[in-house]
Every structure is written in C-alpha cells, then in structure tokens.
C-alpha cells in the first residue's frame, strides 16, 4: 500500500500534514496539551498505522520525575534536541516509551505520549499486539509503542517531517482537554501535568483520574 492510498483511510487524512516545528509551543506543559488531538503516524512495510493522541504527560524543566533531571547522558541525549524529536527508551526492560523533546536545544524536557485512539492500520496494530479489542490496542504508553513497532531504533528521529515515524496535523478539533496528576511516579507526583481527552474510551488510568 502506497502512502497516498493509505492516507485516504477513513477520509480523515487527505488534509494531514506533518507538524511544523514552528507550530510547536516551546514549553513542555503547553506542548503536552497541544499534542492532544494530533496524530502519530508510523510507516511500516505492511502499510501505515496511526492513532490520534488522547493522553500525554509533561516532564518539565527541573522535574525530579524526568529523565533529564540529572543532566544529559548517552541514553537521554534526544531529550536535549530541539522540539519535535523522538526520545524512545525501554522501561523496566519490558516496554518502550515514546516521548517528544519539548524545549530549546540543550535543555532537557519532554512529553510522554500515553495513549492513542487507533485510526489507520488497525489490522497491523492488532497483529503487533496479538489482540483484537480496539480499545486496548494503544491505551497506555507501552501498548501504543508495541502496536506501532516503536523501539530504540527510532530514538532521535525528527517527528516534524515525513519519516518512518512522524506527528501529523489535520482538521480534527479535540473535545474538552482535562488534566490530572501523572501516573506511576513517586517524585513530583503532585503536579497536574497529565493531559487527556475527557470522555475518551482510549485514555489509560483509573476512572478516578479521568473525570
């Protein structure tokens, strides 16, 4: 399946284009909110798989829960790139996590993509996850990377251009964006830096977090 054919799926993507770096807020919390409703696009040998972002978490400058807190290392250097680059890491030796660098070059901070609403390439994602239930294909950061075959090989990729992995913009308008404390952290856990689409079935976390 060619790109042009794949991007006609669901009638949603005729107007889709990569996000321009100049459009990205150069502020981590603002970017986390801005990315709600945008689309993660993954180009694979079997076709294109994509999902609309319904949940993010911001890891801001000086955040004790962030990977950049103790400075740049070989592992986290993608967080210090200009906004719009992928930082992919392996959590607990099990699941990959997809983040977007968010501040000026040399300043480490990022946005974790926590959940997607599947749009295109659903059979591809189902095969990758070995499940059929649509709601659970990309409801959580480890699930979405497994569904889209995102791993460390994509660390540092520019998400603002046509590439194997990119961020897209279309004419979709998100609904109400809510915020809460972040999930599964112990440091700086009080900060309301998790953003999600209120009412979405594809958001992760407990019901109490998703009011």
Protein backbone atom coordinates (compact mmCIF):
# COMPACT_ATOMS: atom_id res chain seq x y z
CA UNK A 1 0.00 0.00 0.00
CA UNK A 2 1.46 3.35 -1.02
CA UNK A 3 1.41 6.44 1.15
CA UNK A 4 -1.22 8.24 -0.90
CA UNK A 5 -3.60 5.28 -0.76
CA UNK A 6 -3.04 4.65 2.92
CA UNK A 7 -3.61 8.27 3.86
CA UNK A 8 -7.11 8.21 2.36
CA UNK A 9 -8.24 5.75 5.01
CA UNK A 10 -11.36 6.82 6.94
CA UNK A 11 -11.48 10.07 4.96
CA UNK A 12 -9.52 11.65 7.82
CA UNK A 13 -6.10 12.22 6.35
CA UNK A 14 -6.44 13.94 3.00
CA UNK A 15 -5.56 17.18 4.74
CA UNK A 16 -3.00 15.67 7.06
CA UNK A 17 0.50 17.06 7.08
CA UNK A 18 3.50 16.78 9.38
CA UNK A 19 3.52 19.25 12.23
CA UNK A 20 5.84 22.16 11.53
CA UNK A 21 8.43 22.76 14.25
CA UNK A 22 7.48 26.43 14.26
CA UNK A 23 3.97 25.43 15.38
CA UNK A 24 5.15 23.62 18.49
CA UNK A 25 4.93 25.55 21.78
CA UNK A 26 8.43 25.79 23.24
CA UNK A 27 7.15 24.96 26.69
CA UNK A 28 6.74 21.40 27.87
CA UNK A 29 3.36 21.65 29.58
CA UNK A 30 1.94 23.70 26.71
CA UNK A 31 3.21 21.15 24.20
CA UNK A 32 1.65 18.28 26.17
CA UNK A 33 -1.73 19.99 25.90
CA UNK A 34 -1.18 21.00 22.27
CA UNK A 35 -0.49 17.41 21.20
CA UNK A 36 -3.92 16.19 22.29
CA UNK A 37 -5.84 15.56 19.06
CA UNK A 38 -2.74 15.33 16.88
CA UNK A 39 -1.82 12.09 15.13
CA UNK A 40 1.14 9.70 15.46
CA UNK A 41 1.86 8.14 12.07
CA UNK A 42 4.00 5.02 11.66
CA UNK A 43 5.10 3.86 8.21
CA UNK A 44 5.72 0.12 8.15
CA UNK A 45 6.43 -2.43 5.41
CA UNK A 46 2.82 -3.65 5.65
CA UNK A 47 1.33 -0.16 5.41
CA UNK A 48 0.60 2.86 7.55
CA UNK A 49 -0.66 2.64 11.11
CA UNK A 50 -1.74 5.72 13.01
CA UNK A 51 -3.57 6.90 16.09
CA UNK A 52 -4.90 10.14 17.48
CA UNK A 53 -3.25 11.31 20.68
CA UNK A 54 -5.72 11.32 23.58
CA UNK A 55 -3.35 11.40 26.56
CA UNK A 56 0.06 12.91 27.32
CA UNK A 57 2.28 13.69 30.30
CA UNK A 58 4.69 16.63 30.59
CA UNK A 59 8.12 16.20 32.18
CA UNK A 60 9.14 19.81 32.57
CA UNK A 61 12.49 21.53 33.20
CA UNK A 62 13.84 20.61 36.62
CA UNK A 63 11.27 17.84 37.08
CA UNK A 64 12.58 15.22 39.52
CA UNK A 65 10.47 12.59 37.73
CA UNK A 66 12.02 13.39 34.34
CA UNK A 67 14.90 11.57 32.69
CA UNK A 68 16.73 14.86 32.12
CA UNK A 69 16.79 15.78 35.81
CA UNK A 70 20.43 14.81 36.37
CA UNK A 71 21.65 16.16 33.04
CA UNK A 72 22.49 14.80 29.63
CA UNK A 73 23.68 11.24 29.21
CA UNK A 74 24.24 8.98 26.24
CA UNK A 75 20.84 7.41 26.91
CA UNK A 76 18.74 10.58 27.20
CA UNK A 77 20.50 12.96 24.78
CA UNK A 78 17.48 13.04 22.44
CA UNK A 79 15.58 14.93 25.15
CA UNK A 80 18.04 17.80 24.67
CA UNK A 81 17.39 18.20 20.93
CA UNK A 82 15.22 20.99 19.53
CA UNK A 83 11.46 20.45 19.94
CA UNK A 84 9.80 17.71 17.94
CA UNK A 85 12.30 14.85 18.14
CA UNK A 86 11.58 11.38 19.49
CA UNK A 87 13.07 10.18 22.73
CA UNK A 88 12.45 6.43 22.98
CA UNK A 89 13.56 4.42 25.98
CA UNK A 90 12.96 0.95 27.37
CA UNK A 91 11.14 0.97 30.73
CA UNK A 92 11.83 -1.83 33.21
CA UNK A 93 13.33 -3.90 30.41
CA UNK A 94 9.83 -4.56 29.07
CA UNK A 95 8.09 -1.68 27.28
CA UNK A 96 9.32 1.13 25.07
CA UNK A 97 8.09 4.67 25.77
CA UNK A 98 7.66 7.36 23.12
CA UNK A 99 8.42 10.94 24.15
CA UNK A 100 8.67 14.22 22.24
CA UNK A 101 11.50 16.67 23.03
CA UNK A 102 9.99 19.98 24.05
CA UNK A 103 12.40 22.79 24.89
CA UNK A 104 15.19 24.75 23.22
CA UNK A 105 18.27 22.76 22.14
CA UNK A 106 20.42 21.87 25.12
CA UNK A 107 17.54 21.99 27.61
CA UNK A 108 16.24 18.56 28.59
CA UNK A 109 12.50 18.06 28.89
CA UNK A 110 9.83 16.09 27.09
CA UNK A 111 6.27 14.92 26.64
CA UNK A 112 5.34 11.27 27.05
CA UNK A 113 2.69 10.03 24.62
CA UNK A 114 0.47 7.92 26.89
CA UNK A 115 -2.46 6.78 24.74
CA UNK A 116 -3.83 6.82 21.20
CA UNK A 117 -7.19 6.28 19.57
CA UNK A 118 -6.41 3.92 16.65
CA UNK A 119 -7.21 5.36 13.23
CA UNK A 120 -5.42 3.54 10.41
CA UNK A 121 -3.74 0.19 10.03
CA UNK A 122 -5.84 -1.38 12.77
CA UNK A 123 -5.20 -4.94 11.49
CA UNK A 124 -1.46 -4.18 11.62
CA UNK A 125 -1.74 -2.99 15.21
CA UNK A 126 -3.85 -5.99 16.16
CA UNK A 127 -1.24 -8.33 14.73
CA UNK A 128 1.56 -6.48 16.53
CA UNK A 129 -0.29 -6.59 19.86
CA UNK A 130 -1.81 -10.05 19.29
CA UNK A 131 -5.18 -8.79 20.47
CA UNK A 132 -8.32 -7.68 18.65
CA UNK A 133 -10.01 -5.38 21.18
CA UNK A 134 -9.82 -1.91 19.65
CA UNK A 135 -9.96 -0.07 22.96
CA UNK A 136 -6.84 -1.77 24.31
CA UNK A 137 -4.62 -1.53 21.22
CA UNK A 138 -2.92 1.70 22.24
CA UNK A 139 -4.38 2.56 25.66
CA UNK A 140 -1.13 3.06 27.54
CA UNK A 141 2.42 4.08 26.59
CA UNK A 142 3.82 0.56 26.30
CA UNK A 143 0.84 -0.69 24.36
CA UNK A 144 0.99 2.07 21.76
CA UNK A 145 4.68 1.53 21.04
CA UNK A 146 4.09 -2.20 20.66
CA UNK A 147 1.16 -1.55 18.33
CA UNK A 148 3.24 0.80 16.16
CA UNK A 149 6.56 -1.09 16.41
CA UNK A 150 8.33 1.83 18.04
CA UNK A 151 11.64 0.97 19.71
CA UNK A 152 15.09 2.39 20.36
CA UNK A 153 15.92 2.34 16.65
CA UNK A 154 13.64 5.37 16.31
CA UNK A 155 15.25 7.31 19.15
CA UNK A 156 16.23 10.81 17.98
CA UNK A 157 14.14 10.77 14.80
CA UNK A 158 12.71 14.10 13.64
CA UNK A 159 8.94 13.84 14.11
CA UNK A 160 8.30 17.02 12.12
CA UNK A 161 8.97 15.56 8.68
CA UNK A 162 7.83 12.59 6.61
CA UNK A 163 9.78 9.70 8.08
CA UNK A 164 9.11 6.20 9.42
CA UNK A 165 7.52 7.92 12.44
CA UNK A 166 6.02 11.39 12.42
CA UNK A 167 3.46 13.68 14.04
CA UNK A 168 0.53 14.79 11.92
CA UNK A 169 -1.97 17.61 11.93
CA UNK A 170 -5.39 17.53 10.27
CA UNK A 171 -8.67 19.42 10.56
CA UNK A 172 -9.82 17.49 13.62
CA UNK A 173 -10.83 19.57 16.64
CA UNK A 174 -10.36 17.84 20.00
CA UNK A 175 -13.01 18.00 22.66
CA UNK A 176 -12.51 19.04 26.27
CA UNK A 177 -8.93 18.62 27.46
CA UNK A 178 -8.64 17.85 31.16
CA UNK A 179 -5.60 17.43 33.38
CA UNK A 180 -4.58 15.43 36.43
CA UNK A 181 -1.58 14.17 38.34
CA UNK A 182 0.74 11.88 36.38
CA UNK A 183 0.53 8.10 36.59
CA UNK A 184 3.01 5.70 38.17
CA UNK A 185 5.59 8.15 39.54
CA UNK A 186 6.73 8.91 43.09
CA UNK A 187 8.74 12.12 42.67
CA UNK A 188 6.95 15.43 41.97
CA UNK A 189 3.79 13.34 41.82
CA UNK A 190 1.53 16.23 42.92
CA UNK A 191 1.97 18.22 39.72
CA UNK A 192 -1.03 18.32 37.38
CA UNK A 193 0.98 17.56 34.24
CA UNK A 194 -1.09 14.79 32.68
CA UNK A 195 -3.43 15.92 29.89
CA UNK A 196 -6.20 13.81 28.42
CA UNK A 197 -9.28 13.98 26.23
CA UNK A 198 -12.23 13.92 28.59
CA UNK A 199 -14.69 11.15 27.78
CA UNK A 200 -12.34 9.19 25.52
CA UNK A 201 -12.59 5.41 25.84
CA UNK A 202 -8.94 5.16 24.81
CA UNK A 203 -7.44 7.06 27.76
CA UNK A 204 -5.44 4.99 30.26
CA UNK A 205 -5.52 5.17 34.03
CA UNK A 206 -8.21 4.69 36.64
CA UNK A 207 -11.71 6.08 36.43
CA UNK A 208 -10.96 8.44 39.32
CA UNK A 209 -8.18 10.10 37.29
CA UNK A 210 -10.35 10.54 34.21
CA UNK A 211 -13.25 12.62 35.50
